[in-house]
Amino acid sequence: MLTSNTKIHALLERTGLFESKQLAALLTDARENNISIREAALKAVPDLKEDQFHEKLAEVMGLEYERLKDITIDREVLALVPTKAIFQYNVIPLSEKDG
């Protein structure tokens, strides 16, 4: 059975951003210092930019990556999702498609 740490390791490995030793070290750093994996990844690879990390992660997960600062969200679209759901599931509706 795969543990979450093994699954996260495999996911991060698929990004191609880290060497094997870096992955083990950054996961240990995140766990031992109670920091996010994102923070640990950016510490482990000083030249790695946050957007680059998020883009590669989204790519290997088969998700679209949108920089929110480049998007204007229509208030009517935002009103379609209950506020509680936005915070509970960490989602933001960006647009409405096919009504």
C-alpha atoms as a PDB file:
ATOM      1  CA  MET A   1       0.000   0.000   0.000  1.00  0.00           C
ATOM      2  CA  LEU A   2       1.324   3.438  -0.929  1.00  0.00           C
ATOM      3  CA  THR A   3       1.570   6.018   1.812  1.00  0.00           C
ATOM      4  CA  SER A   4       0.717   9.662   1.201  1.00  0.00           C
ATOM      5  CA  ASN A   5       4.419  10.494   1.480  1.00  0.00           C
ATOM      6  CA  THR A   6       5.195   7.960  -1.273  1.00  0.00           C
ATOM      7  CA  LYS A   7       2.414   9.363  -3.455  1.00  0.00           C
ATOM      8  CA  ILE A   8       3.626  12.938  -2.935  1.00  0.00           C
ATOM      9  CA  HIS A   9       7.212  11.846  -3.669  1.00  0.00           C
ATOM     10  CA  ALA A  10       6.079  10.202  -6.933  1.00  0.00           C
ATOM     11  CA  LEU A  11       4.024  13.249  -7.925  1.00  0.00           C
ATOM     12  CA  LEU A  12       6.892  15.653  -7.286  1.00  0.00           C
ATOM     13  CA  GLU A  13       9.308  13.338  -9.089  1.00  0.00           C
ATOM     14  CA  ARG A  14       7.107  13.444 -12.207  1.00  0.00           C
ATOM     15  CA  THR A  15       7.514  17.240 -12.358  1.00  0.00           C
ATOM     16  CA  GLY A  16      11.175  16.759 -13.256  1.00  0.00           C
ATOM     17  CA  LEU A  17      12.091  19.724 -11.045  1.00  0.00           C
ATOM     18  CA  PHE A  18      13.976  17.773  -8.377  1.00  0.00           C
ATOM     19  CA  GLU A  19      16.718  15.190  -8.066  1.00  0.00           C
ATOM     20  CA  SER A  20      15.928  12.144  -5.942  1.00  0.00           C
ATOM     21  CA  LYS A  21      18.039  13.304  -2.968  1.00  0.00           C
ATOM     22  CA  GLN A  22      16.401  16.749  -3.087  1.00  0.00           C
ATOM     23  CA  LEU A  23      12.954  15.163  -2.937  1.00  0.00           C
ATOM     24  CA  ALA A  24      13.738  13.097   0.131  1.00  0.00           C
ATOM     25  CA  ALA A  25      15.340  16.109   1.831  1.00  0.00           C
ATOM     26  CA  LEU A  26      12.509  18.518   1.038  1.00  0.00           C
ATOM     27  CA  LEU A  27       9.831  16.102   2.257  1.00  0.00           C
ATOM     28  CA  THR A  28      11.785  15.601   5.479  1.00  0.00           C
ATOM     29  CA  ASP A  29      12.234  19.374   5.829  1.00  0.00           C
ATOM     30  CA  ALA A  30       8.500  19.965   5.344  1.00  0.00           C
ATOM     31  CA  ARG A  31       7.563  17.329   7.923  1.00  0.00           C
ATOM     32  CA  GLU A  32      10.190  18.194  10.542  1.00  0.00           C
ATOM     33  CA  ASN A  33       9.790  21.958  10.315  1.00  0.00           C
ATOM     34  CA  ASN A  34       6.019  21.945   9.887  1.00  0.00           C
ATOM     35  CA  ILE A  35       6.170  23.895   6.617  1.00  0.00           C
ATOM     36  CA  SER A  36       4.310  23.336   3.369  1.00  0.00           C
ATOM     37  CA  ILE A  37       5.807  21.182   0.660  1.00  0.00           C
ATOM     38  CA  ARG A  38       5.759  24.276  -1.556  1.00  0.00           C
ATOM     39  CA  GLU A  39       7.904  26.171   0.945  1.00  0.00           C
ATOM     40  CA  ALA A  40      10.286  23.233   1.295  1.00  0.00           C
ATOM     41  CA  ALA A  41      10.531  22.858  -2.493  1.00  0.00           C
ATOM     42  CA  LEU A  42      11.363  26.525  -2.982  1.00  0.00           C
ATOM     43  CA  LYS A  43      14.021  26.273  -0.252  1.00  0.00           C
ATOM     44  CA  ALA A  44      15.502  23.118  -1.772  1.00  0.00           C
ATOM     45  CA  VAL A  45      15.886  24.658  -5.236  1.00  0.00           C
ATOM     46  CA  PRO A  46      16.695  28.366  -4.845  1.00  0.00           C
ATOM     47  CA  ASP A  47      16.290  29.095  -8.587  1.00  0.00           C
ATOM     48  CA  LEU A  48      12.803  27.552  -8.646  1.00  0.00           C
ATOM     49  CA  LYS A  49      10.039  30.142  -8.955  1.00  0.00           C
ATOM     50  CA  GLU A  50       6.690  29.612  -7.256  1.00  0.00           C
ATOM     51  CA  ASP A  51       4.750  29.918 -10.537  1.00  0.00           C
ATOM     52  CA  GLN A  52       7.055  27.393 -12.191  1.00  0.00           C
ATOM     53  CA  PHE A  53       6.445  24.947  -9.327  1.00  0.00           C
ATOM     54  CA  HIS A  54       2.663  25.375  -9.545  1.00  0.00           C
ATOM     55  CA  GLU A  55       2.611  25.097 -13.351  1.00  0.00           C
ATOM     56  CA  LYS A  56       4.601  21.829 -13.358  1.00  0.00           C
ATOM     57  CA  LEU A  57       2.536  20.387 -10.521  1.00  0.00           C
ATOM     58  CA  ALA A  58      -0.703  21.199 -12.341  1.00  0.00           C
ATOM     59  CA  GLU A  59       0.712  19.710 -15.546  1.00  0.00           C
ATOM     60  CA  VAL A  60       1.553  16.330 -13.982  1.00  0.00           C
ATOM     61  CA  MET A  61      -1.850  16.283 -12.286  1.00  0.00           C
ATOM     62  CA  GLY A  62      -3.621  16.971 -15.575  1.00  0.00           C
ATOM     63  CA  LEU A  63      -5.006  20.303 -14.380  1.00  0.00           C
ATOM     64  CA  GLU A  64      -5.108  23.736 -15.950  1.00  0.00           C
ATOM     65  CA  TYR A  65      -3.025  26.387 -14.234  1.00  0.00           C
ATOM     66  CA  GLU A  66      -4.335  29.936 -14.184  1.00  0.00           C
ATOM     67  CA  ARG A  67      -2.589  32.859 -12.535  1.00  0.00           C
ATOM     68  CA  LEU A  68      -5.397  34.594 -10.670  1.00  0.00           C
ATOM     69  CA  LYS A  69      -3.724  37.978 -10.826  1.00  0.00           C
ATOM     70  CA  ASP A  70      -4.115  37.817 -14.629  1.00  0.00           C
ATOM     71  CA  ILE A  71      -7.869  37.113 -14.473  1.00  0.00           C
ATOM     72  CA  THR A  72     -10.880  39.264 -13.720  1.00  0.00           C
ATOM     73  CA  ILE A  73     -13.550  37.130 -12.073  1.00  0.00           C
ATOM     74  CA  ASP A  74     -17.134  38.061 -12.883  1.00  0.00           C
ATOM     75  CA  ARG A  75     -19.054  38.624  -9.651  1.00  0.00           C
ATOM     76  CA  GLU A  76     -22.096  36.851 -11.116  1.00  0.00           C
ATOM     77  CA  VAL A  77     -19.995  33.724 -11.709  1.00  0.00           C
ATOM     78  CA  LEU A  78     -18.508  33.968  -8.228  1.00  0.00           C
ATOM     79  CA  ALA A  79     -22.034  34.189  -6.775  1.00  0.00           C
ATOM     80  CA  LEU A  80     -22.895  30.812  -8.345  1.00  0.00           C
ATOM     81  CA  VAL A  81     -20.768  28.959  -5.779  1.00  0.00           C
ATOM     82  CA  PRO A  82     -21.647  29.238  -2.079  1.00  0.00           C
ATOM     83  CA  THR A  83     -18.983  31.029  -0.035  1.00  0.00           C
ATOM     84  CA  LYS A  84     -18.751  28.067   2.325  1.00  0.00           C
ATOM     85  CA  ALA A  85     -17.902  25.745  -0.586  1.00  0.00           C
ATOM     86  CA  ILE A  86     -15.223  28.143  -1.850  1.00  0.00           C
ATOM     87  CA  PHE A  87     -13.405  28.026   1.485  1.00  0.00           C
ATOM     88  CA  GLN A  88     -14.146  24.389   2.308  1.00  0.00           C
ATOM     89  CA  TYR A  89     -12.895  23.039  -1.029  1.00  0.00           C
ATOM     90  CA  ASN A  90     -10.410  25.824  -1.908  1.00  0.00           C
ATOM     91  CA  VAL A  91     -12.038  26.501  -5.273  1.00  0.00           C
ATOM     92  CA  ILE A  92     -12.754  29.683  -7.188  1.00  0.00           C
ATOM     93  CA  PRO A  93     -15.072  29.698 -10.195  1.00  0.00           C
ATOM     94  CA  LEU A  94     -13.319  31.575 -12.997  1.00  0.00           C
ATOM     95  CA  SER A  95     -15.989  31.449 -15.675  1.00  0.00           C
ATOM     96  CA  GLU A  96     -19.235  29.845 -16.689  1.00  0.00           C
ATOM     97  CA  LYS A  97     -19.342  27.533 -19.670  1.00  0.00           C
ATOM     98  CA  ASP A  98     -22.481  26.220 -21.371  1.00  0.00           C
ATOM     99  CA  GLY A  99     -24.731  27.860 -18.766  1.00  0.00           C
END
